[in-house]
Amino acid sequence: MWELAMSGYIANSDQKYLKNVKTSSIACGIMNMVGNKGGVQLRFTLYDNKFNFINSHLMAFVGNKKGRCSMYAKINKEIQNEKNGLEADIESDFSYLIGDLNFRL
């Protein structure tokens, strides 16, 4: 795997209530340049509610818990709202972290 992707779909009847669609991405793979680790974001307003989806693939291996948390913190910090500098999950009404987080239960 060398890249991350995310798609969003909306019903035709809801399209007139969709505003401010923005996307962004951050690579955290080899030398922070390769997109095999990192995150992609889809952010939008629907019915006056702000939604934030971050699809991420974090580093693997059982002993890398701190590394995964650090990588997510970097992703969340660098994927920001350009208007006010707040982290995307703080500014949103609904925020979802999805993907291969590589945490083991």
PDB file of N, CA and C in Angstrom:
ATOM      1  N   MET A   1       0.830  -1.174   0.000  1.00  0.00           N
ATOM      2  CA  MET A   1       0.000   0.000   0.000  1.00  0.00           C
ATOM      3  C   MET A   1       0.882   1.247   0.000  1.00  0.00           C
ATOM      4  N   TRP A   2       0.595   2.160  -0.870  1.00  0.00           N
ATOM      5  CA  TRP A   2       1.402   3.375  -0.959  1.00  0.00           C
ATOM      6  C   TRP A   2       0.605   4.655  -0.845  1.00  0.00           C
ATOM      7  N   GLU A   3      -0.679   4.577  -0.618  1.00  0.00           N
ATOM      8  CA  GLU A   3      -1.448   5.802  -0.473  1.00  0.00           C
ATOM      9  C   GLU A   3      -2.739   5.543   0.284  1.00  0.00           C
ATOM     10  N   LEU A   4      -3.321   6.607   0.785  1.00  0.00           N
ATOM     11  CA  LEU A   4      -4.595   6.562   1.478  1.00  0.00           C
ATOM     12  C   LEU A   4      -5.636   7.274   0.631  1.00  0.00           C
ATOM     13  N   ALA A   5      -6.880   6.856   0.767  1.00  0.00           N
ATOM     14  CA  ALA A   5      -7.961   7.505   0.037  1.00  0.00           C
ATOM     15  C   ALA A   5      -9.227   7.465   0.882  1.00  0.00           C
ATOM     16  N   MET A   6     -10.126   8.383   0.583  1.00  0.00           N
ATOM     17  CA  MET A   6     -11.425   8.404   1.243  1.00  0.00           C
ATOM     18  C   MET A   6     -12.426   9.023   0.279  1.00  0.00           C
ATOM     19  N   SER A   7     -13.618   8.441   0.234  1.00  0.00           N
ATOM     20  CA  SER A   7     -14.688   8.958  -0.619  1.00  0.00           C
ATOM     21  C   SER A   7     -15.893   9.278   0.251  1.00  0.00           C
ATOM     22  N   GLY A   8     -16.633  10.299  -0.137  1.00  0.00           N
ATOM     23  CA  GLY A   8     -17.864  10.661   0.557  1.00  0.00           C
ATOM     24  C   GLY A   8     -19.010  10.724  -0.429  1.00  0.00           C
ATOM     25  N   TYR A   9     -20.161  10.273  -0.011  1.00  0.00           N
ATOM     26  CA  TYR A   9     -21.346  10.273  -0.867  1.00  0.00           C
ATOM     27  C   TYR A   9     -22.490  10.931  -0.113  1.00  0.00           C
ATOM     28  N   ILE A  10     -23.363  11.611  -0.848  1.00  0.00           N
ATOM     29  CA  ILE A  10     -24.499  12.279  -0.237  1.00  0.00           C
ATOM     30  C   ILE A  10     -25.717  12.094  -1.132  1.00  0.00           C
ATOM     31  N   ALA A  11     -26.877  11.978  -0.509  1.00  0.00           N
ATOM     32  CA  ALA A  11     -28.122  11.811  -1.261  1.00  0.00           C
ATOM     33  C   ALA A  11     -28.422  13.091  -2.036  1.00  0.00           C
ATOM     34  N   ASN A  12     -29.018  12.935  -3.205  1.00  0.00           N
ATOM     35  CA  ASN A  12     -29.366  14.096  -4.028  1.00  0.00           C
ATOM     36  C   ASN A  12     -30.227  15.092  -3.263  1.00  0.00           C
ATOM     37  N   SER A  13     -31.126  14.597  -2.429  1.00  0.00           N
ATOM     38  CA  SER A  13     -32.031  15.489  -1.693  1.00  0.00           C
ATOM     39  C   SER A  13     -31.303  16.332  -0.648  1.00  0.00           C
ATOM     40  N   ASP A  14     -30.118  15.922  -0.220  1.00  0.00           N
ATOM     41  CA  ASP A  14     -29.356  16.658   0.790  1.00  0.00           C
ATOM     42  C   ASP A  14     -28.291  17.579   0.206  1.00  0.00           C
ATOM     43  N   GLN A  15     -28.055  17.504  -1.088  1.00  0.00           N
ATOM     44  CA  GLN A  15     -26.969  18.278  -1.694  1.00  0.00           C
ATOM     45  C   GLN A  15     -27.115  19.781  -1.510  1.00  0.00           C
ATOM     46  N   LYS A  16     -28.341  20.283  -1.486  1.00  0.00           N
ATOM     47  CA  LYS A  16     -28.520  21.734  -1.341  1.00  0.00           C
ATOM     48  C   LYS A  16     -28.154  22.228   0.057  1.00  0.00           C
ATOM     49  N   TYR A  17     -28.021  21.322   1.025  1.00  0.00           N
ATOM     50  CA  TYR A  17     -27.644  21.694   2.393  1.00  0.00           C
ATOM     51  C   TYR A  17     -26.163  21.457   2.682  1.00  0.00           C
ATOM     52  N   LEU A  18     -25.420  21.010   1.679  1.00  0.00           N
ATOM     53  CA  LEU A  18     -23.990  20.733   1.822  1.00  0.00           C
ATOM     54  C   LEU A  18     -23.181  21.978   1.474  1.00  0.00           C
ATOM     55  N   LYS A  19     -22.276  22.383   2.397  1.00  0.00           N
ATOM     56  CA  LYS A  19     -21.465  23.586   2.178  1.00  0.00           C
ATOM     57  C   LYS A  19     -20.041  23.328   2.664  1.00  0.00           C
ATOM     58  N   ASN A  20     -19.145  24.196   2.229  1.00  0.00           N
ATOM     59  CA  ASN A  20     -17.767  24.239   2.741  1.00  0.00           C
ATOM     60  C   ASN A  20     -17.049  22.895   2.700  1.00  0.00           C
ATOM     61  N   VAL A  21     -17.107  22.201   1.596  1.00  0.00           N
ATOM     62  CA  VAL A  21     -16.419  20.919   1.462  1.00  0.00           C
ATOM     63  C   VAL A  21     -14.927  21.185   1.278  1.00  0.00           C
ATOM     64  N   LYS A  22     -14.118  20.578   2.149  1.00  0.00           N
ATOM     65  CA  LYS A  22     -12.666  20.750   2.081  1.00  0.00           C
ATOM     66  C   LYS A  22     -12.003  19.400   2.308  1.00  0.00           C
ATOM     67  N   THR A  23     -10.868  19.216   1.677  1.00  0.00           N
ATOM     68  CA  THR A  23     -10.078  18.007   1.879  1.00  0.00           C
ATOM     69  C   THR A  23      -8.638  18.406   2.162  1.00  0.00           C
ATOM     70  N   SER A  24      -7.930  17.548   2.845  1.00  0.00           N
ATOM     71  CA  SER A  24      -6.506  17.754   3.066  1.00  0.00           C
ATOM     72  C   SER A  24      -5.866  16.412   3.376  1.00  0.00           C
ATOM     73  N   SER A  25      -4.553  16.388   3.343  1.00  0.00           N
ATOM     74  CA  SER A  25      -3.841  15.143   3.613  1.00  0.00           C
ATOM     75  C   SER A  25      -2.488  15.447   4.222  1.00  0.00           C
ATOM     76  N   ILE A  26      -1.941  14.447   4.887  1.00  0.00           N
ATOM     77  CA  ILE A  26      -0.605  14.551   5.450  1.00  0.00           C
ATOM     78  C   ILE A  26       0.063  13.182   5.355  1.00  0.00           C
ATOM     79  N   ALA A  27       1.269  13.160   4.850  1.00  0.00           N
ATOM     80  CA  ALA A  27       2.056  11.927   4.754  1.00  0.00           C
ATOM     81  C   ALA A  27       2.954  11.813   5.984  1.00  0.00           C
ATOM     82  N   CYS A  28       2.967  10.637   6.587  1.00  0.00           N
ATOM     83  CA  CYS A  28       3.810  10.387   7.767  1.00  0.00           C
ATOM     84  C   CYS A  28       4.660   9.139   7.571  1.00  0.00           C
ATOM     85  N   GLY A  29       4.764   8.663   6.343  1.00  0.00           N
ATOM     86  CA  GLY A  29       5.529   7.451   6.073  1.00  0.00           C
ATOM     87  C   GLY A  29       7.022   7.723   6.076  1.00  0.00           C
ATOM     88  N   ILE A  30       7.739   7.003   5.280  1.00  0.00           N
ATOM     89  CA  ILE A  30       9.196   7.093   5.218  1.00  0.00           C
ATOM     90  C   ILE A  30       9.614   8.541   4.985  1.00  0.00           C
ATOM     91  N   MET A  31      10.417   9.072   5.901  1.00  0.00           N
ATOM     92  CA  MET A  31      10.924  10.449   5.863  1.00  0.00           C
ATOM     93  C   MET A  31       9.794  11.481   5.794  1.00  0.00           C
ATOM     94  N   ASN A  32       8.617  11.123   6.320  1.00  0.00           N
ATOM     95  CA  ASN A  32       7.437  11.999   6.300  1.00  0.00           C
ATOM     96  C   ASN A  32       7.056  12.441   4.887  1.00  0.00           C
ATOM     97  N   MET A  33       7.378  11.605   3.898  1.00  0.00           N
ATOM     98  CA  MET A  33       7.072  11.956   2.514  1.00  0.00           C
ATOM     99  C   MET A  33       6.207  10.902   1.832  1.00  0.00           C
ATOM    100  N   VAL A  34       6.354   9.654   2.210  1.00  0.00           N
ATOM    101  CA  VAL A  34       5.620   8.579   1.552  1.00  0.00           C
ATOM    102  C   VAL A  34       4.248   8.456   2.201  1.00  0.00           C
ATOM    103  N   GLY A  35       3.217   8.287   1.379  1.00  0.00           N
ATOM    104  CA  GLY A  35       1.847   8.271   1.869  1.00  0.00           C
ATOM    105  C   GLY A  35       1.346   6.931   2.364  1.00  0.00           C
ATOM    106  N   ASN A  36       2.236   6.001   2.717  1.00  0.00           N
ATOM    107  CA  ASN A  36       1.745   4.721   3.230  1.00  0.00           C
ATOM    108  C   ASN A  36       1.305   4.830   4.684  1.00  0.00           C
ATOM    109  N   LYS A  37       1.727   5.861   5.389  1.00  0.00           N
ATOM    110  CA  LYS A  37       1.268   6.176   6.736  1.00  0.00           C
ATOM    111  C   LYS A  37       0.875   7.646   6.727  1.00  0.00           C
ATOM    112  N   GLY A  38      -0.133   7.990   7.510  1.00  0.00           N
ATOM    113  CA  GLY A  38      -0.567   9.376   7.561  1.00  0.00           C
ATOM    114  C   GLY A  38      -2.072   9.452   7.602  1.00  0.00           C
ATOM    115  N   GLY A  39      -2.618  10.530   7.072  1.00  0.00           N
ATOM    116  CA  GLY A  39      -4.057  10.708   7.125  1.00  0.00           C
ATOM    117  C   GLY A  39      -4.587  11.560   5.995  1.00  0.00           C
ATOM    118  N   VAL A  40      -5.852  11.333   5.671  1.00  0.00           N
ATOM    119  CA  VAL A  40      -6.591  12.172   4.729  1.00  0.00           C
ATOM    120  C   VAL A  40      -7.851  12.637   5.441  1.00  0.00           C
ATOM    121  N   GLN A  41      -8.275  13.827   5.102  1.00  0.00           N
ATOM    122  CA  GLN A  41      -9.401  14.425   5.797  1.00  0.00           C
ATOM    123  C   GLN A  41     -10.469  14.887   4.829  1.00  0.00           C
ATOM    124  N   LEU A  42     -11.718  14.703   5.224  1.00  0.00           N
ATOM    125  CA  LEU A  42     -12.875  15.247   4.518  1.00  0.00           C
ATOM    126  C   LEU A  42     -13.659  16.044   5.548  1.00  0.00           C
ATOM    127  N   ARG A  43     -13.873  17.318   5.249  1.00  0.00           N
ATOM    128  CA  ARG A  43     -14.550  18.214   6.184  1.00  0.00           C
ATOM    129  C   ARG A  43     -15.650  18.937   5.418  1.00  0.00           C
ATOM    130  N   PHE A  44     -16.829  19.073   6.038  1.00  0.00           N
ATOM    131  CA  PHE A  44     -17.933  19.753   5.371  1.00  0.00           C
ATOM    132  C   PHE A  44     -18.971  20.185   6.394  1.00  0.00           C
ATOM    133  N   THR A  45     -19.875  21.059   5.940  1.00  0.00           N
ATOM    134  CA  THR A  45     -21.011  21.485   6.750  1.00  0.00           C
ATOM    135  C   THR A  45     -22.269  20.950   6.085  1.00  0.00           C
ATOM    136  N   LEU A  46     -23.117  20.299   6.876  1.00  0.00           N
ATOM    137  CA  LEU A  46     -24.371  19.736   6.389  1.00  0.00           C
ATOM    138  C   LEU A  46     -25.454  20.091   7.397  1.00  0.00           C
ATOM    139  N   TYR A  47     -26.494  20.780   6.930  1.00  0.00           N
ATOM    140  CA  TYR A  47     -27.567  21.232   7.827  1.00  0.00           C
ATOM    141  C   TYR A  47     -26.999  22.022   9.014  1.00  0.00           C
ATOM    142  N   ASP A  48     -26.065  22.892   8.772  1.00  0.00           N
ATOM    143  CA  ASP A  48     -25.437  23.752   9.789  1.00  0.00           C
ATOM    144  C   ASP A  48     -24.666  22.991  10.863  1.00  0.00           C
ATOM    145  N   ASN A  49     -24.340  21.736  10.622  1.00  0.00           N
ATOM    146  CA  ASN A  49     -23.472  20.954  11.509  1.00  0.00           C
ATOM    147  C   ASN A  49     -22.153  20.712  10.787  1.00  0.00           C
ATOM    148  N   LYS A  50     -21.047  20.915  11.509  1.00  0.00           N
ATOM    149  CA  LYS A  50     -19.722  20.710  10.927  1.00  0.00           C
ATOM    150  C   LYS A  50     -19.268  19.271  11.170  1.00  0.00           C
ATOM    151  N   PHE A  51     -18.926  18.579  10.090  1.00  0.00           N
ATOM    152  CA  PHE A  51     -18.459  17.199  10.150  1.00  0.00           C
ATOM    153  C   PHE A  51     -16.983  17.151   9.775  1.00  0.00           C
ATOM    154  N   ASN A  52     -16.264  16.246  10.417  1.00  0.00           N
ATOM    155  CA  ASN A  52     -14.842  16.068  10.171  1.00  0.00           C
ATOM    156  C   ASN A  52     -14.549  14.569  10.166  1.00  0.00           C
ATOM    157  N   PHE A  53     -14.035  14.057   9.065  1.00  0.00           N
ATOM    158  CA  PHE A  53     -13.643  12.653   8.956  1.00  0.00           C
ATOM    159  C   PHE A  53     -12.147  12.601   8.671  1.00  0.00           C
ATOM    160  N   ILE A  54     -11.420  11.853   9.486  1.00  0.00           N
ATOM    161  CA  ILE A  54     -10.000  11.637   9.243  1.00  0.00           C
ATOM    162  C   ILE A  54      -9.782  10.141   9.099  1.00  0.00           C
ATOM    163  N   ASN A  55      -9.318   9.742   7.921  1.00  0.00           N
ATOM    164  CA  ASN A  55      -8.967   8.352   7.652  1.00  0.00           C
ATOM    165  C   ASN A  55      -7.454   8.266   7.802  1.00  0.00           C
ATOM    166  N   SER A  56      -7.004   7.407   8.705  1.00  0.00           N
ATOM    167  CA  SER A  56      -5.557   7.358   8.934  1.00  0.00           C
ATOM    168  C   SER A  56      -5.046   5.924   8.949  1.00  0.00           C
ATOM    169  N   HIS A  57      -3.763   5.816   8.661  1.00  0.00           N
ATOM    170  CA  HIS A  57      -3.037   4.551   8.773  1.00  0.00           C
ATOM    171  C   HIS A  57      -1.817   4.849   9.627  1.00  0.00           C
ATOM    172  N   LEU A  58      -1.832   4.313  10.842  1.00  0.00           N
ATOM    173  CA  LEU A  58      -0.773   4.592  11.801  1.00  0.00           C
ATOM    174  C   LEU A  58       0.243   3.461  11.817  1.00  0.00           C
ATOM    175  N   MET A  59       1.409   3.737  12.390  1.00  0.00           N
ATOM    176  CA  MET A  59       2.495   2.743  12.417  1.00  0.00           C
ATOM    177  C   MET A  59       2.062   1.469  13.154  1.00  0.00           C
ATOM    178  N   ALA A  60       2.661   0.372  12.780  1.00  0.00           N
ATOM    179  CA  ALA A  60       2.292  -0.942  13.299  1.00  0.00           C
ATOM    180  C   ALA A  60       3.197  -1.381  14.453  1.00  0.00           C
ATOM    181  N   PHE A  61       3.082  -2.626  14.811  1.00  0.00           N
ATOM    182  CA  PHE A  61       3.869  -3.336  15.818  1.00  0.00           C
ATOM    183  C   PHE A  61       3.359  -3.057  17.236  1.00  0.00           C
ATOM    184  N   VAL A  62       3.326  -4.082  18.025  1.00  0.00           N
ATOM    185  CA  VAL A  62       2.746  -4.048  19.365  1.00  0.00           C
ATOM    186  C   VAL A  62       3.399  -2.986  20.247  1.00  0.00           C
ATOM    187  N   GLY A  63       4.701  -2.832  20.203  1.00  0.00           N
ATOM    188  CA  GLY A  63       5.400  -1.921  21.090  1.00  0.00           C
ATOM    189  C   GLY A  63       5.372  -0.459  20.684  1.00  0.00           C
ATOM    190  N   ASN A  64       4.636  -0.107  19.646  1.00  0.00           N
ATOM    191  CA  ASN A  64       4.648   1.270  19.128  1.00  0.00           C
ATOM    192  C   ASN A  64       3.436   2.098  19.548  1.00  0.00           C
ATOM    193  N   LYS A  65       2.880   1.846  20.731  1.00  0.00           N
ATOM    194  CA  LYS A  65       1.700   2.597  21.165  1.00  0.00           C
ATOM    195  C   LYS A  65       1.986   4.095  21.210  1.00  0.00           C
ATOM    196  N   LYS A  66       3.102   4.485  21.814  1.00  0.00           N
ATOM    197  CA  LYS A  66       3.447   5.908  21.893  1.00  0.00           C
ATOM    198  C   LYS A  66       3.664   6.494  20.503  1.00  0.00           C
ATOM    199  N   GLY A  67       4.259   5.714  19.618  1.00  0.00           N
ATOM    200  CA  GLY A  67       4.472   6.176  18.247  1.00  0.00           C
ATOM    201  C   GLY A  67       3.166   6.423  17.519  1.00  0.00           C
ATOM    202  N   ARG A  68       2.181   5.527  17.714  1.00  0.00           N
ATOM    203  CA  ARG A  68       0.879   5.704  17.077  1.00  0.00           C
ATOM    204  C   ARG A  68       0.179   6.951  17.618  1.00  0.00           C
ATOM    205  N   CYS A  69       0.218   7.129  18.931  1.00  0.00           N
ATOM    206  CA  CYS A  69      -0.409   8.317  19.542  1.00  0.00           C
ATOM    207  C   CYS A  69       0.271   9.591  19.055  1.00  0.00           C
ATOM    208  N   SER A  70       1.584   9.562  18.952  1.00  0.00           N
ATOM    209  CA  SER A  70       2.338  10.718  18.465  1.00  0.00           C
ATOM    210  C   SER A  70       2.007  11.009  17.009  1.00  0.00           C
ATOM    211  N   MET A  71       1.885   9.958  16.200  1.00  0.00           N
ATOM    212  CA  MET A  71       1.562  10.135  14.790  1.00  0.00           C
ATOM    213  C   MET A  71       0.169  10.732  14.635  1.00  0.00           C
ATOM    214  N   TYR A  72      -0.808  10.243  15.427  1.00  0.00           N
ATOM    215  CA  TYR A  72      -2.149  10.812  15.339  1.00  0.00           C
ATOM    216  C   TYR A  72      -2.154  12.273  15.783  1.00  0.00           C
ATOM    217  N   ALA A  73      -1.410  12.588  16.846  1.00  0.00           N
ATOM    218  CA  ALA A  73      -1.337  13.981  17.308  1.00  0.00           C
ATOM    219  C   ALA A  73      -0.778  14.878  16.202  1.00  0.00           C
ATOM    220  N   LYS A  74       0.218  14.393  15.488  1.00  0.00           N
ATOM    221  CA  LYS A  74       0.798  15.163  14.378  1.00  0.00           C
ATOM    222  C   LYS A  74      -0.227  15.362  13.263  1.00  0.00           C
ATOM    223  N   ILE A  75      -0.928  14.293  12.909  1.00  0.00           N
ATOM    224  CA  ILE A  75      -1.950  14.379  11.862  1.00  0.00           C
ATOM    225  C   ILE A  75      -3.018  15.385  12.256  1.00  0.00           C
ATOM    226  N   ASN A  76      -3.520  15.272  13.481  1.00  0.00           N
ATOM    227  CA  ASN A  76      -4.600  16.147  13.930  1.00  0.00           C
ATOM    228  C   ASN A  76      -4.143  17.602  14.029  1.00  0.00           C
ATOM    229  N   LYS A  77      -2.917  17.831  14.410  1.00  0.00           N
ATOM    230  CA  LYS A  77      -2.404  19.192  14.531  1.00  0.00           C
ATOM    231  C   LYS A  77      -2.190  19.841  13.170  1.00  0.00           C
ATOM    232  N   GLU A  78      -1.678  19.074  12.224  1.00  0.00           N
ATOM    233  CA  GLU A  78      -1.351  19.648  10.919  1.00  0.00           C
ATOM    234  C   GLU A  78      -2.541  19.743   9.977  1.00  0.00           C
ATOM    235  N   ILE A  79      -3.603  18.983  10.256  1.00  0.00           N
ATOM    236  CA  ILE A  79      -4.838  19.116   9.483  1.00  0.00           C
ATOM    237  C   ILE A  79      -5.726  20.053  10.282  1.00  0.00           C
ATOM    238  N   GLN A  80      -5.618  21.330   9.978  1.00  0.00           N
ATOM    239  CA  GLN A  80      -6.318  22.347  10.751  1.00  0.00           C
ATOM    240  C   GLN A  80      -7.279  23.140   9.887  1.00  0.00           C
ATOM    241  N   ASN A  81      -8.144  23.842  10.577  1.00  0.00           N
ATOM    242  CA  ASN A  81      -9.006  24.803   9.912  1.00  0.00           C
ATOM    243  C   ASN A  81      -8.177  26.048   9.650  1.00  0.00           C
ATOM    244  N   GLU A  82      -8.050  26.432   8.404  1.00  0.00           N
ATOM    245  CA  GLU A  82      -7.180  27.551   8.059  1.00  0.00           C
ATOM    246  C   GLU A  82      -7.708  28.895   8.562  1.00  0.00           C
ATOM    247  N   LYS A  83      -8.971  29.007   8.927  1.00  0.00           N
ATOM    248  CA  LYS A  83      -9.523  30.291   9.377  1.00  0.00           C
ATOM    249  C   LYS A  83      -9.042  30.680  10.764  1.00  0.00           C
ATOM    250  N   ASN A  84      -9.120  29.749  11.710  1.00  0.00           N
ATOM    251  CA  ASN A  84      -8.842  30.133  13.084  1.00  0.00           C
ATOM    252  C   ASN A  84      -7.726  29.332  13.748  1.00  0.00           C
ATOM    253  N   GLY A  85      -7.134  28.385  13.047  1.00  0.00           N
ATOM    254  CA  GLY A  85      -6.014  27.633  13.589  1.00  0.00           C
ATOM    255  C   GLY A  85      -6.388  26.579  14.609  1.00  0.00           C
ATOM    256  N   LEU A  86      -7.684  26.385  14.871  1.00  0.00           N
ATOM    257  CA  LEU A  86      -8.095  25.334  15.801  1.00  0.00           C
ATOM    258  C   LEU A  86      -7.889  23.970  15.165  1.00  0.00           C
ATOM    259  N   GLU A  87      -7.607  22.979  15.986  1.00  0.00           N
ATOM    260  CA  GLU A  87      -7.520  21.622  15.467  1.00  0.00           C
ATOM    261  C   GLU A  87      -8.899  21.207  14.964  1.00  0.00           C
ATOM    262  N   ALA A  88      -8.906  20.431  13.889  1.00  0.00           N
ATOM    263  CA  ALA A  88     -10.147  20.098  13.200  1.00  0.00           C
ATOM    264  C   ALA A  88     -11.147  19.381  14.103  1.00  0.00           C
ATOM    265  N   ASP A  89     -10.677  18.522  15.009  1.00  0.00           N
ATOM    266  CA  ASP A  89     -11.625  17.800  15.842  1.00  0.00           C
ATOM    267  C   ASP A  89     -12.238  18.688  16.923  1.00  0.00           C
ATOM    268  N   ILE A  90     -11.590  19.774  17.280  1.00  0.00           N
ATOM    269  CA  ILE A  90     -12.147  20.708  18.271  1.00  0.00           C
ATOM    270  C   ILE A  90     -13.195  21.596  17.622  1.00  0.00           C
ATOM    271  N   GLU A  91     -12.936  22.024  16.396  1.00  0.00           N
ATOM    272  CA  GLU A  91     -13.816  22.948  15.720  1.00  0.00           C
ATOM    273  C   GLU A  91     -15.101  22.286  15.222  1.00  0.00           C
ATOM    274  N   SER A  92     -15.083  20.983  15.006  1.00  0.00           N
ATOM    275  CA  SER A  92     -16.212  20.280  14.400  1.00  0.00           C
ATOM    276  C   SER A  92     -17.267  19.907  15.430  1.00  0.00           C
ATOM    277  N   ASP A  93     -18.512  19.814  14.950  1.00  0.00           N
ATOM    278  CA  ASP A  93     -19.587  19.305  15.796  1.00  0.00           C
ATOM    279  C   ASP A  93     -19.501  17.785  15.907  1.00  0.00           C
ATOM    280  N   PHE A  94     -19.120  17.143  14.815  1.00  0.00           N
ATOM    281  CA  PHE A  94     -18.989  15.685  14.769  1.00  0.00           C
ATOM    282  C   PHE A  94     -17.640  15.362  14.133  1.00  0.00           C
ATOM    283  N   SER A  95     -16.829  14.584  14.824  1.00  0.00           N
ATOM    284  CA  SER A  95     -15.503  14.252  14.330  1.00  0.00           C
ATOM    285  C   SER A  95     -15.300  12.745  14.418  1.00  0.00           C
ATOM    286  N   TYR A  96     -14.832  12.140  13.333  1.00  0.00           N
ATOM    287  CA  TYR A  96     -14.671  10.697  13.260  1.00  0.00           C
ATOM    288  C   TYR A  96     -13.240  10.352  12.852  1.00  0.00           C
ATOM    289  N   LEU A  97     -12.621   9.471  13.592  1.00  0.00           N
ATOM    290  CA  LEU A  97     -11.309   8.937  13.252  1.00  0.00           C
ATOM    291  C   LEU A  97     -11.527   7.502  12.794  1.00  0.00           C
ATOM    292  N   ILE A  98     -11.181   7.228  11.551  1.00  0.00           N
ATOM    293  CA  ILE A  98     -11.389   5.896  10.982  1.00  0.00           C
ATOM    294  C   ILE A  98     -10.101   5.430  10.340  1.00  0.00           C
ATOM    295  N   GLY A  99     -10.044   4.178   9.965  1.00  0.00           N
ATOM    296  CA  GLY A  99      -8.899   3.661   9.245  1.00  0.00           C
ATOM    297  C   GLY A  99      -8.190   2.561  10.002  1.00  0.00           C
ATOM    298  N   ASP A 100      -6.956   2.312   9.623  1.00  0.00           N
ATOM    299  CA  ASP A 100      -6.120   1.286  10.240  1.00  0.00           C
ATOM    300  C   ASP A 100      -5.270   1.946  11.317  1.00  0.00           C
ATOM    301  N   LEU A 101      -5.779   1.939  12.542  1.00  0.00           N
ATOM    302  CA  LEU A 101      -5.090   2.596  13.640  1.00  0.00           C
ATOM    303  C   LEU A 101      -3.999   1.716  14.248  1.00  0.00           C
ATOM    304  N   ASN A 102      -4.025   0.424  13.932  1.00  0.00           N
ATOM    305  CA  ASN A 102      -3.033  -0.539  14.378  1.00  0.00           C
ATOM    306  C   ASN A 102      -2.936  -0.702  15.893  1.00  0.00           C
ATOM    307  N   PHE A 103      -3.978  -0.323  16.619  1.00  0.00           N
ATOM    308  CA  PHE A 103      -4.027  -0.614  18.054  1.00  0.00           C
ATOM    309  C   PHE A 103      -4.546  -2.019  18.227  1.00  0.00           C
ATOM    310  N   ARG A 104      -4.019  -2.733  19.162  1.00  0.00           N
ATOM    311  CA  ARG A 104      -4.420  -4.121  19.413  1.00  0.00           C
ATOM    312  C   ARG A 104      -5.186  -4.190  20.726  1.00  0.00           C
ATOM    313  N   LEU A 105      -6.274  -4.947  20.717  1.00  0.00           N
ATOM    314  CA  LEU A 105      -7.060  -5.123  21.952  1.00  0.00           C
ATOM    315  C   LEU A 105      -6.521  -6.267  22.766  1.00  0.00           C
TER     316      LEU A 105
END
